[in-house]
Amino acid sequence: MQVAFRRTGERRYAVDVQRRSAPDLTMDPAPGYQDDLPHDLVHFLVEVHWGLRDGIFGQVAGGGNAWTFRLAPTEGPMTRATRRQARRVPRGNRAGGRDIARSEVLAQVVHERWHARRPGVGLPAWHAASWAESGATEAELEVWLALAERFVADWRATPVVAP
């Protein structure tokens, strides 16, 4: 599976997914735009870093749509096989997603930690409880924060591409 994040306008982005054994998907517009780290990029990095195989992107890889993606536009008419695969999407959602709750908690924790590294920004009162719930260690968080920093410059430099 290939995942691409693209800017589609001022404070707007999309997530495109190409899959081998299921139709391609898109989420446009995607929620939670941030100039530095959009919400779904945070999720993607969290799931890769913590090896969450059955989170949002794992569910998508398994044939689902995580209840947020839709079929990507195709060139030409949809084939019978593609229509049949598209009807199976709800089954892919039911069959997966066991790591989605952990993905959400980790995304919330790391995003707040990342923002708190900026001058004058503190952690919210709920952070300690969410961090405990996430099961993440301090060392894991620090590695994730370093990983995220590498993506910030790339995201800021990403040009707006009209659909």
Protein backbone atom coordinates (compact mmCIF):
# COMPACT_ATOMS: atom_id res chain seq x y z
CA MET A 1 0.00 0.00 0.00
CA GLN A 2 1.21 3.49 -0.83
CA VAL A 3 0.01 6.54 1.09
CA ALA A 4 0.45 10.11 -0.17
CA PHE A 5 -0.37 13.35 1.63
CA ARG A 6 -0.94 16.39 -0.56
CA ARG A 7 -1.89 20.00 0.00
CA THR A 8 -5.04 20.81 -1.93
CA GLY A 9 -5.56 24.43 -0.94
CA GLU A 10 -4.96 27.00 1.74
CA ARG A 11 -5.20 25.03 5.03
CA ARG A 12 -6.50 21.93 3.23
CA TYR A 13 -4.98 18.56 2.51
CA ALA A 14 -5.89 15.14 1.17
CA VAL A 15 -4.69 11.61 1.77
CA ASP A 16 -4.49 9.24 -1.19
CA VAL A 17 -4.07 5.48 -0.85
CA GLN A 18 -3.07 3.06 -3.58
CA ARG A 19 -3.68 -0.59 -2.79
CA ARG A 20 -2.77 -3.73 -4.72
CA SER A 21 -5.72 -5.91 -3.80
CA ALA A 22 -8.45 -3.33 -3.34
CA PRO A 23 -9.61 -0.13 -5.04
CA ASP A 24 -7.66 3.06 -4.42
CA LEU A 25 -9.05 5.47 -1.84
CA THR A 26 -8.89 9.16 -1.04
CA MET A 27 -9.87 11.41 1.83
CA ASP A 28 -10.34 14.91 0.48
CA PRO A 29 -10.62 17.07 2.41
CA ALA A 30 -8.89 15.34 5.29
CA PRO A 31 -9.58 16.59 8.83
CA GLY A 32 -7.27 18.37 11.22
CA TYR A 33 -5.12 20.55 9.01
CA GLN A 34 -1.99 21.88 10.71
CA ASP A 35 0.76 23.89 9.06
CA ASP A 36 3.39 21.54 10.49
CA LEU A 37 1.81 18.13 11.07
CA PRO A 38 -1.67 17.38 9.75
CA HIS A 39 -3.75 15.04 11.90
CA ASP A 40 -3.69 12.06 9.56
CA LEU A 41 0.06 12.37 8.99
CA VAL A 42 0.42 12.14 12.78
CA HIS A 43 -1.71 8.96 12.71
CA PHE A 44 0.32 7.47 9.89
CA LEU A 45 3.61 8.14 11.69
CA VAL A 46 2.21 6.82 14.99
CA GLU A 47 1.02 3.59 13.40
CA VAL A 48 4.32 3.03 11.60
CA HIS A 49 6.44 3.89 14.66
CA TRP A 50 4.49 1.75 17.13
CA GLY A 51 3.83 -1.03 14.62
CA LEU A 52 0.06 -0.75 14.90
CA ARG A 53 -0.98 -3.15 12.18
CA ASP A 54 -4.71 -2.78 12.77
CA GLY A 55 -5.10 0.97 13.18
CA ILE A 56 -6.60 3.37 10.69
CA PHE A 57 -4.09 2.66 7.93
CA GLY A 58 -3.96 -1.05 8.73
CA GLN A 59 -7.72 -1.23 8.32
CA VAL A 60 -7.38 0.53 4.97
CA ALA A 61 -4.61 -1.86 3.92
CA GLY A 62 -6.91 -4.75 4.84
CA GLY A 63 -9.60 -3.62 2.43
CA GLY A 64 -11.60 -1.25 4.64
CA ASN A 65 -11.99 2.49 4.48
CA ALA A 66 -11.75 3.33 8.21
CA TRP A 67 -15.15 5.01 7.74
CA THR A 68 -13.38 8.13 6.45
CA PHE A 69 -11.91 7.31 3.02
CA ARG A 70 -13.91 7.03 -0.20
CA LEU A 71 -13.13 5.50 -3.55
CA ALA A 72 -10.58 7.50 -5.49
CA PRO A 73 -11.72 8.84 -8.85
CA THR A 74 -10.82 6.47 -11.64
CA GLU A 75 -10.08 7.02 -15.27
CA GLY A 76 -12.84 5.51 -17.35
CA PRO A 77 -15.73 3.38 -16.15
CA MET A 78 -15.47 1.27 -13.03
CA THR A 79 -14.97 -2.42 -13.78
CA ARG A 80 -17.22 -5.15 -12.42
CA ALA A 81 -14.33 -6.41 -10.24
CA THR A 82 -13.74 -2.93 -8.80
CA ARG A 83 -17.43 -2.51 -7.98
CA ARG A 84 -17.43 -5.91 -6.27
CA GLN A 85 -14.35 -4.97 -4.22
CA ALA A 86 -15.92 -1.65 -3.27
CA ARG A 87 -18.98 -3.45 -1.88
CA ARG A 88 -16.65 -5.45 0.40
CA VAL A 89 -15.32 -2.32 2.11
CA PRO A 90 -17.72 -2.50 5.10
CA ARG A 91 -16.49 -6.06 5.75
CA GLY A 92 -12.93 -4.72 5.81
CA ASN A 93 -13.98 -2.22 8.46
CA ARG A 94 -15.65 -4.88 10.60
CA ALA A 95 -12.71 -7.24 10.29
CA GLY A 96 -10.15 -4.72 11.48
CA GLY A 97 -9.51 -1.64 13.50
CA ARG A 98 -8.55 -3.15 16.84
CA ASP A 99 -5.66 -0.66 17.17
CA ILE A 100 -7.66 2.44 16.21
CA ALA A 101 -8.33 3.48 19.82
CA ARG A 102 -4.62 3.22 20.67
CA SER A 103 -3.75 5.10 17.49
CA GLU A 104 -6.10 7.92 18.54
CA VAL A 105 -4.64 8.15 22.05
CA LEU A 106 -1.04 8.02 20.81
CA ALA A 107 -1.76 10.62 18.12
CA GLN A 108 -3.22 12.93 20.74
CA VAL A 109 -0.29 12.41 23.13
CA VAL A 110 2.48 12.88 20.58
CA HIS A 111 0.80 15.85 18.94
CA GLU A 112 0.51 17.67 22.26
CA ARG A 113 4.10 16.74 23.17
CA TRP A 114 5.29 17.99 19.81
CA HIS A 115 3.48 21.33 20.25
CA ALA A 116 4.73 21.65 23.84
CA ARG A 117 8.32 21.75 22.56
CA ARG A 118 7.59 25.19 21.15
CA PRO A 119 8.28 28.23 23.33
CA GLY A 120 5.35 29.31 25.46
CA VAL A 121 3.29 26.17 24.85
CA GLY A 122 2.54 23.84 27.74
CA LEU A 123 0.92 20.45 28.05
CA PRO A 124 -2.82 20.27 28.73
CA ALA A 125 -4.02 18.93 32.10
CA TRP A 126 -5.24 15.68 30.54
CA HIS A 127 -1.87 14.84 29.01
CA ALA A 128 -0.50 12.69 31.86
CA ALA A 129 -3.59 10.47 31.95
CA SER A 130 -3.61 10.06 28.17
CA TRP A 131 0.11 9.27 28.15
CA ALA A 132 -0.42 6.57 30.79
CA GLU A 133 -3.33 5.14 28.77
CA SER A 134 -1.19 5.06 25.61
CA GLY A 135 1.41 2.72 27.09
CA ALA A 136 4.20 4.67 25.39
CA THR A 137 7.55 5.13 27.09
CA GLU A 138 9.46 8.40 27.25
CA ALA A 139 12.12 6.92 24.96
CA GLU A 140 9.47 5.92 22.37
CA LEU A 141 7.98 9.42 22.47
CA GLU A 142 11.37 11.06 21.97
CA VAL A 143 12.13 8.85 18.97
CA TRP A 144 8.71 9.67 17.49
CA LEU A 145 9.27 13.41 18.04
CA ALA A 146 12.59 13.23 16.19
CA LEU A 147 10.88 11.34 13.35
CA ALA A 148 8.12 13.94 13.16
CA GLU A 149 10.62 16.80 12.98
CA ARG A 150 12.02 15.29 9.78
CA PHE A 151 8.57 15.44 8.20
CA VAL A 152 7.78 19.02 9.24
CA ALA A 153 10.19 20.67 6.78
CA ASP A 154 8.98 18.44 3.96
CA TRP A 155 5.33 19.20 4.70
CA ARG A 156 5.94 22.95 4.92
CA ALA A 157 7.69 22.82 1.54
CA THR A 158 4.94 20.79 -0.11
CA PRO A 159 3.25 22.93 -2.77
CA VAL A 160 -0.50 23.17 -3.16
CA VAL A 161 -1.64 20.81 -5.93
CA ALA A 162 -5.13 21.30 -7.26
CA PRO A 163 -7.16 18.10 -7.59
